[in-house]
Amino acid sequence: KKVAVIMGSDSDFPVVKSAVGVLKDFDIPVELHVMSAHRTPE
């Protein structure tokens, strides 16, 4: 199973980098995307 890491803005990347690192340390496939609840709700 993969884990999705979704950021509301690319400015959140410095925060979520550690999550991506932990997931990769456990060999968990991860996908990172920028999606906004308000700007790209679809």
ModelCIF file with pLDDT and N, C-alpha, C, O atoms, coordinates in Angstrom:
data_MODEL
#
_entry.id   MODEL 
#
_entity.id                         1 
_entity.type                       polymer 
_entity.pdbx_number_of_molecules   1 
#
_entity_poly.entity_id                      1 
_entity_poly.type                           'polypeptide(L)' 
_entity_poly.nstd_linkage                   no 
_entity_poly.nstd_monomer                   no 
_entity_poly.pdbx_seq_one_letter_code       KKVAVIMGSDSDFPVVKSAVGVLKDFDIPVELHVMSAHRTPE 
_entity_poly.pdbx_seq_one_letter_code_can   KKVAVIMGSDSDFPVVKSAVGVLKDFDIPVELHVMSAHRTPE 
_entity_poly.pdbx_strand_id                 A 
#
loop_
_entity_poly_seq.entity_id 
_entity_poly_seq.num 
_entity_poly_seq.mon_id 
_entity_poly_seq.hetero 
1 1  LYS n 
1 2  LYS n 
1 3  VAL n 
1 4  ALA n 
1 5  VAL n 
1 6  ILE n 
1 7  MET n 
1 8  GLY n 
1 9  SER n 
1 10 ASP n 
1 11 SER n 
1 12 ASP n 
1 13 PHE n 
1 14 PRO n 
1 15 VAL n 
1 16 VAL n 
1 17 LYS n 
1 18 SER n 
1 19 ALA n 
1 20 VAL n 
1 21 GLY n 
1 22 VAL n 
1 23 LEU n 
1 24 LYS n 
1 25 ASP n 
1 26 PHE n 
1 27 ASP n 
1 28 ILE n 
1 29 PRO n 
1 30 VAL n 
1 31 GLU n 
1 32 LEU n 
1 33 HIS n 
1 34 VAL n 
1 35 MET n 
1 36 SER n 
1 37 ALA n 
1 38 HIS n 
1 39 ARG n 
1 40 THR n 
1 41 PRO n 
1 42 GLU n 
#
_struct_asym.id          A 
_struct_asym.entity_id   1 
#
loop_
_ma_qa_metric.id 
_ma_qa_metric.mode 
_ma_qa_metric.name 
_ma_qa_metric.software_group_id 
_ma_qa_metric.type 
1 global pLDDT . pLDDT 
2 local  pLDDT . pLDDT 
#
_ma_qa_metric_global.metric_id      1 
_ma_qa_metric_global.metric_value   97.45 
_ma_qa_metric_global.model_id       1 
_ma_qa_metric_global.ordinal_id     1 
#
loop_
_ma_qa_metric_local.label_asym_id 
_ma_qa_metric_local.label_comp_id 
_ma_qa_metric_local.label_seq_id 
_ma_qa_metric_local.metric_id 
_ma_qa_metric_local.metric_value 
_ma_qa_metric_local.model_id 
_ma_qa_metric_local.ordinal_id 
A LYS 1  2 97.00 1 1  
A LYS 2  2 98.00 1 2  
A VAL 3  2 98.00 1 3  
A ALA 4  2 98.00 1 4  
A VAL 5  2 98.00 1 5  
A ILE 6  2 98.00 1 6  
A MET 7  2 98.00 1 7  
A GLY 8  2 96.00 1 8  
A SER 9  2 96.00 1 9  
A ASP 10 2 97.00 1 10 
A SER 11 2 96.00 1 11 
A ASP 12 2 97.00 1 12 
A PHE 13 2 98.00 1 13 
A PRO 14 2 97.00 1 14 
A VAL 15 2 97.00 1 15 
A VAL 16 2 98.00 1 16 
A LYS 17 2 98.00 1 17 
A SER 18 2 98.00 1 18 
A ALA 19 2 98.00 1 19 
A VAL 20 2 98.00 1 20 
A GLY 21 2 98.00 1 21 
A VAL 22 2 98.00 1 22 
A LEU 23 2 98.00 1 23 
A LYS 24 2 98.00 1 24 
A ASP 25 2 98.00 1 25 
A PHE 26 2 98.00 1 26 
A ASP 27 2 97.00 1 27 
A ILE 28 2 98.00 1 28 
A PRO 29 2 98.00 1 29 
A VAL 30 2 98.00 1 30 
A GLU 31 2 98.00 1 31 
A LEU 32 2 98.00 1 32 
A HIS 33 2 98.00 1 33 
A VAL 34 2 98.00 1 34 
A MET 35 2 98.00 1 35 
A SER 36 2 96.00 1 36 
A ALA 37 2 96.00 1 37 
A HIS 38 2 95.00 1 38 
A ARG 39 2 96.00 1 39 
A THR 40 2 97.00 1 40 
A PRO 41 2 97.00 1 41 
A GLU 42 2 98.00 1 42 
#
loop_
_atom_site.group_PDB 
_atom_site.id 
_atom_site.type_symbol 
_atom_site.label_atom_id 
_atom_site.label_alt_id 
_atom_site.label_comp_id 
_atom_site.label_asym_id 
_atom_site.label_entity_id 
_atom_site.label_seq_id 
_atom_site.pdbx_PDB_ins_code 
_atom_site.Cartn_x 
_atom_site.Cartn_y 
_atom_site.Cartn_z 
_atom_site.occupancy 
_atom_site.B_iso_or_equiv 
_atom_site.pdbx_formal_charge 
_atom_site.auth_seq_id 
_atom_site.auth_comp_id 
_atom_site.auth_asym_id 
_atom_site.auth_atom_id 
_atom_site.pdbx_PDB_model_num 
ATOM 1   N N  . LYS A 1 1  ? 0.850   -1.194 0.000  1.00 97.00 ? 1  LYS A N  1 
ATOM 2   C CA . LYS A 1 1  ? 0.000   0.000  0.000  1.00 97.00 ? 1  LYS A CA 1 
ATOM 3   C C  . LYS A 1 1  ? 0.884   1.242  0.000  1.00 97.00 ? 1  LYS A C  1 
ATOM 4   O O  . LYS A 1 1  ? 1.934   1.282  0.641  1.00 97.00 ? 1  LYS A O  1 
ATOM 5   N N  . LYS A 1 2  ? 0.434   2.242  -0.730 1.00 98.00 ? 2  LYS A N  1 
ATOM 6   C CA . LYS A 1 2  ? 1.134   3.524  -0.789 1.00 98.00 ? 2  LYS A CA 1 
ATOM 7   C C  . LYS A 1 2  ? 0.519   4.480  0.228  1.00 98.00 ? 2  LYS A C  1 
ATOM 8   O O  . LYS A 1 2  ? -0.597  4.270  0.703  1.00 98.00 ? 2  LYS A O  1 
ATOM 9   N N  . VAL A 1 3  ? 1.260   5.523  0.552  1.00 98.00 ? 3  VAL A N  1 
ATOM 10  C CA . VAL A 1 3  ? 0.749   6.627  1.360  1.00 98.00 ? 3  VAL A CA 1 
ATOM 11  C C  . VAL A 1 3  ? 0.832   7.888  0.512  1.00 98.00 ? 3  VAL A C  1 
ATOM 12  O O  . VAL A 1 3  ? 1.865   8.185  -0.089 1.00 98.00 ? 3  VAL A O  1 
ATOM 13  N N  . ALA A 1 4  ? -0.263  8.615  0.476  1.00 98.00 ? 4  ALA A N  1 
ATOM 14  C CA . ALA A 1 4  ? -0.285  9.908  -0.215 1.00 98.00 ? 4  ALA A CA 1 
ATOM 15  C C  . ALA A 1 4  ? -0.002  11.005 0.799  1.00 98.00 ? 4  ALA A C  1 
ATOM 16  O O  . ALA A 1 4  ? -0.556  11.007 1.898  1.00 98.00 ? 4  ALA A O  1 
ATOM 17  N N  . VAL A 1 5  ? 0.853   11.921 0.428  1.00 98.00 ? 5  VAL A N  1 
ATOM 18  C CA . VAL A 1 5  ? 1.092   13.124 1.222  1.00 98.00 ? 5  VAL A CA 1 
ATOM 19  C C  . VAL A 1 5  ? 0.621   14.286 0.361  1.00 98.00 ? 5  VAL A C  1 
ATOM 20  O O  . VAL A 1 5  ? 1.216   14.600 -0.670 1.00 98.00 ? 5  VAL A O  1 
ATOM 21  N N  . ILE A 1 6  ? -0.451  14.911 0.802  1.00 98.00 ? 6  ILE A N  1 
ATOM 22  C CA . ILE A 1 6  ? -1.065  16.003 0.048  1.00 98.00 ? 6  ILE A CA 1 
ATOM 23  C C  . ILE A 1 6  ? -0.847  17.304 0.806  1.00 98.00 ? 6  ILE A C  1 
ATOM 24  O O  . ILE A 1 6  ? -1.166  17.409 1.991  1.00 98.00 ? 6  ILE A O  1 
ATOM 25  N N  . MET A 1 7  ? -0.302  18.290 0.110  1.00 98.00 ? 7  MET A N  1 
ATOM 26  C CA . MET A 1 7  ? -0.060  19.612 0.704  1.00 98.00 ? 7  MET A CA 1 
ATOM 27  C C  . MET A 1 7  ? -1.037  20.603 0.104  1.00 98.00 ? 7  MET A C  1 
ATOM 28  O O  . MET A 1 7  ? -1.331  20.553 -1.090 1.00 98.00 ? 7  MET A O  1 
ATOM 29  N N  . GLY A 1 8  ? -1.535  21.493 0.927  1.00 96.00 ? 8  GLY A N  1 
ATOM 30  C CA . GLY A 1 8  ? -2.417  22.532 0.435  1.00 96.00 ? 8  GLY A CA 1 
ATOM 31  C C  . GLY A 1 8  ? -1.682  23.569 -0.396 1.00 96.00 ? 8  GLY A C  1 
ATOM 32  O O  . GLY A 1 8  ? -2.285  24.273 -1.205 1.00 96.00 ? 8  GLY A O  1 
ATOM 33  N N  . SER A 1 9  ? -0.373  23.656 -0.189 1.00 96.00 ? 9  SER A N  1 
ATOM 34  C CA . SER A 1 9  ? 0.455   24.637 -0.893 1.00 96.00 ? 9  SER A CA 1 
ATOM 35  C C  . SER A 1 9  ? 1.883   24.116 -0.941 1.00 96.00 ? 9  SER A C  1 
ATOM 36  O O  . SER A 1 9  ? 2.301   23.358 -0.066 1.00 96.00 ? 9  SER A O  1 
ATOM 37  N N  . ASP A 1 10 ? 2.630   24.520 -1.957 1.00 97.00 ? 10 ASP A N  1 
ATOM 38  C CA . ASP A 1 10 ? 4.030   24.113 -2.007 1.00 97.00 ? 10 ASP A CA 1 
ATOM 39  C C  . ASP A 1 10 ? 4.837   24.699 -0.855 1.00 97.00 ? 10 ASP A C  1 
ATOM 40  O O  . ASP A 1 10 ? 5.923   24.207 -0.549 1.00 97.00 ? 10 ASP A O  1 
ATOM 41  N N  . SER A 1 11 ? 4.320   25.743 -0.213 1.00 96.00 ? 11 SER A N  1 
ATOM 42  C CA . SER A 1 11 ? 5.013   26.317 0.941  1.00 96.00 ? 11 SER A CA 1 
ATOM 43  C C  . SER A 1 11 ? 4.988   25.370 2.144  1.00 96.00 ? 11 SER A C  1 
ATOM 44  O O  . SER A 1 11 ? 5.708   25.593 3.117  1.00 96.00 ? 11 SER A O  1 
ATOM 45  N N  . ASP A 1 12 ? 4.167   24.315 2.089  1.00 97.00 ? 12 ASP A N  1 
ATOM 46  C CA . ASP A 1 12 ? 4.116   23.318 3.155  1.00 97.00 ? 12 ASP A CA 1 
ATOM 47  C C  . ASP A 1 12 ? 5.212   22.258 3.010  1.00 97.00 ? 12 ASP A C  1 
ATOM 48  O O  . ASP A 1 12 ? 5.391   21.427 3.900  1.00 97.00 ? 12 ASP A O  1 
ATOM 49  N N  . PHE A 1 13 ? 5.937   22.284 1.906  1.00 98.00 ? 13 PHE A N  1 
ATOM 50  C CA . PHE A 1 13 ? 6.943   21.256 1.646  1.00 98.00 ? 13 PHE A CA 1 
ATOM 51  C C  . PHE A 1 13 ? 8.000   21.146 2.741  1.00 98.00 ? 13 PHE A C  1 
ATOM 52  O O  . PHE A 1 13 ? 8.337   20.025 3.124  1.00 98.00 ? 13 PHE A O  1 
ATOM 53  N N  . PRO A 1 14 ? 8.544   22.248 3.268  1.00 97.00 ? 14 PRO A N  1 
ATOM 54  C CA . PRO A 1 14 ? 9.541   22.095 4.334  1.00 97.00 ? 14 PRO A CA 1 
ATOM 55  C C  . PRO A 1 14 ? 9.006   21.320 5.542  1.00 97.00 ? 14 PRO A C  1 
ATOM 56  O O  . PRO A 1 14 ? 9.767   20.633 6.222  1.00 97.00 ? 14 PRO A O  1 
ATOM 57  N N  . VAL A 1 15 ? 7.719   21.426 5.807  1.00 97.00 ? 15 VAL A N  1 
ATOM 58  C CA . VAL A 1 15 ? 7.118   20.684 6.923  1.00 97.00 ? 15 VAL A CA 1 
ATOM 59  C C  . VAL A 1 15 ? 6.974   19.210 6.568  1.00 97.00 ? 15 VAL A C  1 
ATOM 60  O O  . VAL A 1 15 ? 7.339   18.353 7.373  1.00 97.00 ? 15 VAL A O  1 
ATOM 61  N N  . VAL A 1 16 ? 6.457   18.894 5.394  1.00 98.00 ? 16 VAL A N  1 
ATOM 62  C CA . VAL A 1 16 ? 6.144   17.499 5.056  1.00 98.00 ? 16 VAL A CA 1 
ATOM 63  C C  . VAL A 1 16 ? 7.358   16.676 4.641  1.00 98.00 ? 16 VAL A C  1 
ATOM 64  O O  . VAL A 1 16 ? 7.267   15.453 4.540  1.00 98.00 ? 16 VAL A O  1 
ATOM 65  N N  . LYS A 1 17 ? 8.490   17.328 4.401  1.00 98.00 ? 17 LYS A N  1 
ATOM 66  C CA . LYS A 1 17 ? 9.691   16.577 4.017  1.00 98.00 ? 17 LYS A CA 1 
ATOM 67  C C  . LYS A 1 17 ? 10.020  15.479 5.020  1.00 98.00 ? 17 LYS A C  1 
ATOM 68  O O  . LYS A 1 17 ? 10.432  14.386 4.631  1.00 98.00 ? 17 LYS A O  1 
ATOM 69  N N  . SER A 1 18 ? 9.843   15.761 6.299  1.00 98.00 ? 18 SER A N  1 
ATOM 70  C CA . SER A 1 18 ? 10.178  14.745 7.302  1.00 98.00 ? 18 SER A CA 1 
ATOM 71  C C  . SER A 1 18 ? 9.234   13.549 7.211  1.00 98.00 ? 18 SER A C  1 
ATOM 72  O O  . SER A 1 18 ? 9.652   12.421 7.471  1.00 98.00 ? 18 SER A O  1 
ATOM 73  N N  . ALA A 1 19 ? 7.976   13.770 6.849  1.00 98.00 ? 19 ALA A N  1 
ATOM 74  C CA . ALA A 1 19 ? 7.038   12.651 6.670  1.00 98.00 ? 19 ALA A CA 1 
ATOM 75  C C  . ALA A 1 19 ? 7.489   11.777 5.506  1.00 98.00 ? 19 ALA A C  1 
ATOM 76  O O  . ALA A 1 19 ? 7.484   10.550 5.607  1.00 98.00 ? 19 ALA A O  1 
ATOM 77  N N  . VAL A 1 20 ? 7.871   12.396 4.424  1.00 98.00 ? 20 VAL A N  1 
ATOM 78  C CA . VAL A 1 20 ? 8.339   11.642 3.260  1.00 98.00 ? 20 VAL A CA 1 
ATOM 79  C C  . VAL A 1 20 ? 9.582   10.838 3.636  1.00 98.00 ? 20 VAL A C  1 
ATOM 80  O O  . VAL A 1 20 ? 9.716   9.681  3.238  1.00 98.00 ? 20 VAL A O  1 
ATOM 81  N N  . GLY A 1 21 ? 10.483  11.439 4.394  1.00 98.00 ? 21 GLY A N  1 
ATOM 82  C CA . GLY A 1 21 ? 11.691  10.746 4.827  1.00 98.00 ? 21 GLY A CA 1 
ATOM 83  C C  . GLY A 1 21 ? 11.388  9.526  5.686  1.00 98.00 ? 21 GLY A C  1 
ATOM 84  O O  . GLY A 1 21 ? 11.987  8.468  5.491  1.00 98.00 ? 21 GLY A O  1 
ATOM 85  N N  . VAL A 1 22 ? 10.466  9.660  6.631  1.00 98.00 ? 22 VAL A N  1 
ATOM 86  C CA . VAL A 1 22 ? 10.094  8.536  7.489  1.00 98.00 ? 22 VAL A CA 1 
ATOM 87  C C  . VAL A 1 22 ? 9.489   7.411  6.656  1.00 98.00 ? 22 VAL A C  1 
ATOM 88  O O  . VAL A 1 22 ? 9.845   6.245  6.823  1.00 98.00 ? 22 VAL A O  1 
ATOM 89  N N  . LEU A 1 23 ? 8.579   7.765  5.763  1.00 98.00 ? 23 LEU A N  1 
ATOM 90  C CA . LEU A 1 23 ? 7.954   6.738  4.922  1.00 98.00 ? 23 LEU A CA 1 
ATOM 91  C C  . LEU A 1 23 ? 8.987   6.020  4.065  1.00 98.00 ? 23 LEU A C  1 
ATOM 92  O O  . LEU A 1 23 ? 8.943   4.797  3.928  1.00 98.00 ? 23 LEU A O  1 
ATOM 93  N N  . LYS A 1 24 ? 9.901   6.764  3.498  1.00 98.00 ? 24 LYS A N  1 
ATOM 94  C CA . LYS A 1 24 ? 10.951  6.141  2.683  1.00 98.00 ? 24 LYS A CA 1 
ATOM 95  C C  . LYS A 1 24 ? 11.868  5.275  3.536  1.00 98.00 ? 24 LYS A C  1 
ATOM 96  O O  . LYS A 1 24 ? 12.327  4.228  3.079  1.00 98.00 ? 24 LYS A O  1 
ATOM 97  N N  . ASP A 1 25 ? 12.144  5.700  4.773  1.00 98.00 ? 25 ASP A N  1 
ATOM 98  C CA . ASP A 1 25 ? 12.968  4.884  5.675  1.00 98.00 ? 25 ASP A CA 1 
ATOM 99  C C  . ASP A 1 25 ? 12.338  3.517  5.922  1.00 98.00 ? 25 ASP A C  1 
ATOM 100 O O  . ASP A 1 25 ? 13.051  2.534  6.128  1.00 98.00 ? 25 ASP A O  1 
ATOM 101 N N  . PHE A 1 26 ? 11.022  3.448  5.904  1.00 98.00 ? 26 PHE A N  1 
ATOM 102 C CA . PHE A 1 26 ? 10.311  2.181  6.093  1.00 98.00 ? 26 PHE A CA 1 
ATOM 103 C C  . PHE A 1 26 ? 9.959   1.505  4.767  1.00 98.00 ? 26 PHE A C  1 
ATOM 104 O O  . PHE A 1 26 ? 9.196   0.540  4.740  1.00 98.00 ? 26 PHE A O  1 
ATOM 105 N N  . ASP A 1 27 ? 10.517  2.014  3.678  1.00 97.00 ? 27 ASP A N  1 
ATOM 106 C CA . ASP A 1 27 ? 10.268  1.457  2.342  1.00 97.00 ? 27 ASP A CA 1 
ATOM 107 C C  . ASP A 1 27 ? 8.783   1.457  1.981  1.00 97.00 ? 27 ASP A C  1 
ATOM 108 O O  . ASP A 1 27 ? 8.297   0.553  1.302  1.00 97.00 ? 27 ASP A O  1 
ATOM 109 N N  . ILE A 1 28 ? 8.084   2.468  2.439  1.00 98.00 ? 28 ILE A N  1 
ATOM 110 C CA . ILE A 1 28 ? 6.667   2.615  2.103  1.00 98.00 ? 28 ILE A CA 1 
ATOM 111 C C  . ILE A 1 28 ? 6.582   3.518  0.872  1.00 98.00 ? 28 ILE A C  1 
ATOM 112 O O  . ILE A 1 28 ? 7.078   4.644  0.895  1.00 98.00 ? 28 ILE A O  1 
ATOM 113 N N  . PRO A 1 29 ? 5.964   3.036  -0.189 1.00 98.00 ? 29 PRO A N  1 
ATOM 114 C CA . PRO A 1 29 ? 5.820   3.880  -1.377 1.00 98.00 ? 29 PRO A CA 1 
ATOM 115 C C  . PRO A 1 29 ? 5.004   5.135  -1.030 1.00 98.00 ? 29 PRO A C  1 
ATOM 116 O O  . PRO A 1 29 ? 3.970   5.060  -0.367 1.00 98.00 ? 29 PRO A O  1 
ATOM 117 N N  . VAL A 1 30 ? 5.487   6.262  -1.486 1.00 98.00 ? 30 VAL A N  1 
ATOM 118 C CA . VAL A 1 30 ? 4.837   7.531  -1.147 1.00 98.00 ? 30 VAL A CA 1 
ATOM 119 C C  . VAL A 1 30 ? 4.687   8.381  -2.403 1.00 98.00 ? 30 VAL A C  1 
ATOM 120 O O  . VAL A 1 30 ? 5.570   8.409  -3.261 1.00 98.00 ? 30 VAL A O  1 
ATOM 121 N N  . GLU A 1 31 ? 3.569   9.064  -2.493 1.00 98.00 ? 31 GLU A N  1 
ATOM 122 C CA . GLU A 1 31 ? 3.351   10.063 -3.543 1.00 98.00 ? 31 GLU A CA 1 
ATOM 123 C C  . GLU A 1 31 ? 3.061   11.384 -2.862 1.00 98.00 ? 31 GLU A C  1 
ATOM 124 O O  . GLU A 1 31 ? 2.315   11.442 -1.885 1.00 98.00 ? 31 GLU A O  1 
ATOM 125 N N  . LEU A 1 32 ? 3.652   12.436 -3.382 1.00 98.00 ? 32 LEU A N  1 
ATOM 126 C CA . LEU A 1 32 ? 3.491   13.779 -2.840 1.00 98.00 ? 32 LEU A CA 1 
ATOM 127 C C  . LEU A 1 32 ? 2.816   14.649 -3.883 1.00 98.00 ? 32 LEU A C  1 
ATOM 128 O O  . LEU A 1 32 ? 3.235   14.675 -5.040 1.00 98.00 ? 32 LEU A O  1 
ATOM 129 N N  . HIS A 1 33 ? 1.765   15.365 -3.478 1.00 98.00 ? 33 HIS A N  1 
ATOM 130 C CA . HIS A 1 33 ? 1.035   16.237 -4.403 1.00 98.00 ? 33 HIS A CA 1 
ATOM 131 C C  . HIS A 1 33 ? 0.639   17.535 -3.714 1.00 98.00 ? 33 HIS A C  1 
ATOM 132 O O  . HIS A 1 33 ? 0.513   17.591 -2.490 1.00 98.00 ? 33 HIS A O  1 
ATOM 133 N N  . VAL A 1 34 ? 0.448   18.570 -4.509 1.00 98.00 ? 34 VAL A N  1 
ATOM 134 C CA . VAL A 1 34 ? -0.122  19.828 -4.037 1.00 98.00 ? 34 VAL A CA 1 
ATOM 135 C C  . VAL A 1 34 ? -1.555  19.892 -4.555 1.00 98.00 ? 34 VAL A C  1 
ATOM 136 O O  . VAL A 1 34 ? -1.793  19.851 -5.762 1.00 98.00 ? 34 VAL A O  1 
ATOM 137 N N  . MET A 1 35 ? -2.502  19.993 -3.630 1.00 98.00 ? 35 MET A N  1 
ATOM 138 C CA . MET A 1 35 ? -3.924  20.129 -3.967 1.00 98.00 ? 35 MET A CA 1 
ATOM 139 C C  . MET A 1 35 ? -4.552  21.020 -2.919 1.00 98.00 ? 35 MET A C  1 
ATOM 140 O O  . MET A 1 35 ? -4.247  20.909 -1.732 1.00 98.00 ? 35 MET A O  1 
ATOM 141 N N  . SER A 1 36 ? -5.405  21.879 -3.346 1.00 96.00 ? 36 SER A N  1 
ATOM 142 C CA . SER A 1 36 ? -6.035  22.816 -2.426 1.00 96.00 ? 36 SER A CA 1 
ATOM 143 C C  . SER A 1 36 ? -7.519  22.494 -2.260 1.00 96.00 ? 36 SER A C  1 
ATOM 144 O O  . SER A 1 36 ? -8.229  22.250 -3.235 1.00 96.00 ? 36 SER A O  1 
ATOM 145 N N  . ALA A 1 37 ? -7.970  22.498 -1.013 1.00 96.00 ? 37 ALA A N  1 
ATOM 146 C CA . ALA A 1 37 ? -9.393  22.298 -0.747 1.00 96.00 ? 37 ALA A CA 1 
ATOM 147 C C  . ALA A 1 37 ? -10.219 23.436 -1.330 1.00 96.00 ? 37 ALA A C  1 
ATOM 148 O O  . ALA A 1 37 ? -11.400 23.259 -1.631 1.00 96.00 ? 37 ALA A O  1 
ATOM 149 N N  . HIS A 1 38 ? -9.603  24.603 -1.489 1.00 95.00 ? 38 HIS A N  1 
ATOM 150 C CA . HIS A 1 38 ? -10.330 25.791 -1.933 1.00 95.00 ? 38 HIS A CA 1 
ATOM 151 C C  . HIS A 1 38 ? -10.067 26.157 -3.387 1.00 95.00 ? 38 HIS A C  1 
ATOM 152 O O  . HIS A 1 38 ? -10.965 26.642 -4.075 1.00 95.00 ? 38 HIS A O  1 
ATOM 153 N N  . ARG A 1 39 ? -8.838  25.928 -3.861 1.00 96.00 ? 39 ARG A N  1 
ATOM 154 C CA . ARG A 1 39 ? -8.480  26.341 -5.218 1.00 96.00 ? 39 ARG A CA 1 
ATOM 155 C C  . ARG A 1 39 ? -8.602  25.218 -6.246 1.00 96.00 ? 39 ARG A C  1 
ATOM 156 O O  . ARG A 1 39 ? -8.847  25.477 -7.424 1.00 96.00 ? 39 ARG A O  1 
ATOM 157 N N  . THR A 1 40 ? -8.429  23.967 -5.801 1.00 97.00 ? 40 THR A N  1 
ATOM 158 C CA . THR A 1 40 ? -8.578  22.813 -6.706 1.00 97.00 ? 40 THR A CA 1 
ATOM 159 C C  . THR A 1 40 ? -9.438  21.737 -6.038 1.00 97.00 ? 40 THR A C  1 
ATOM 160 O O  . THR A 1 40 ? -9.005  20.592 -5.905 1.00 97.00 ? 40 THR A O  1 
ATOM 161 N N  . PRO A 1 41 ? -10.637 22.095 -5.625 1.00 97.00 ? 41 PRO A N  1 
ATOM 162 C CA . PRO A 1 41 ? -11.451 21.115 -4.891 1.00 97.00 ? 41 PRO A CA 1 
ATOM 163 C C  . PRO A 1 41 ? -11.801 19.882 -5.709 1.00 97.00 ? 41 PRO A C  1 
ATOM 164 O O  . PRO A 1 41 ? -11.894 18.787 -5.155 1.00 97.00 ? 41 PRO A O  1 
ATOM 165 N N  . GLU A 1 42 ? -11.995 20.033 -7.010 1.00 98.00 ? 42 GLU A N  1 
ATOM 166 C CA . GLU A 1 42 ? -12.331 18.875 -7.842 1.00 98.00 ? 42 GLU A CA 1 
ATOM 167 C C  . GLU A 1 42 ? -11.178 17.877 -7.859 1.00 98.00 ? 42 GLU A C  1 
ATOM 168 O O  . GLU A 1 42 ? -11.273 16.835 -8.508 1.00 98.00 ? 42 GLU A O  1 
#
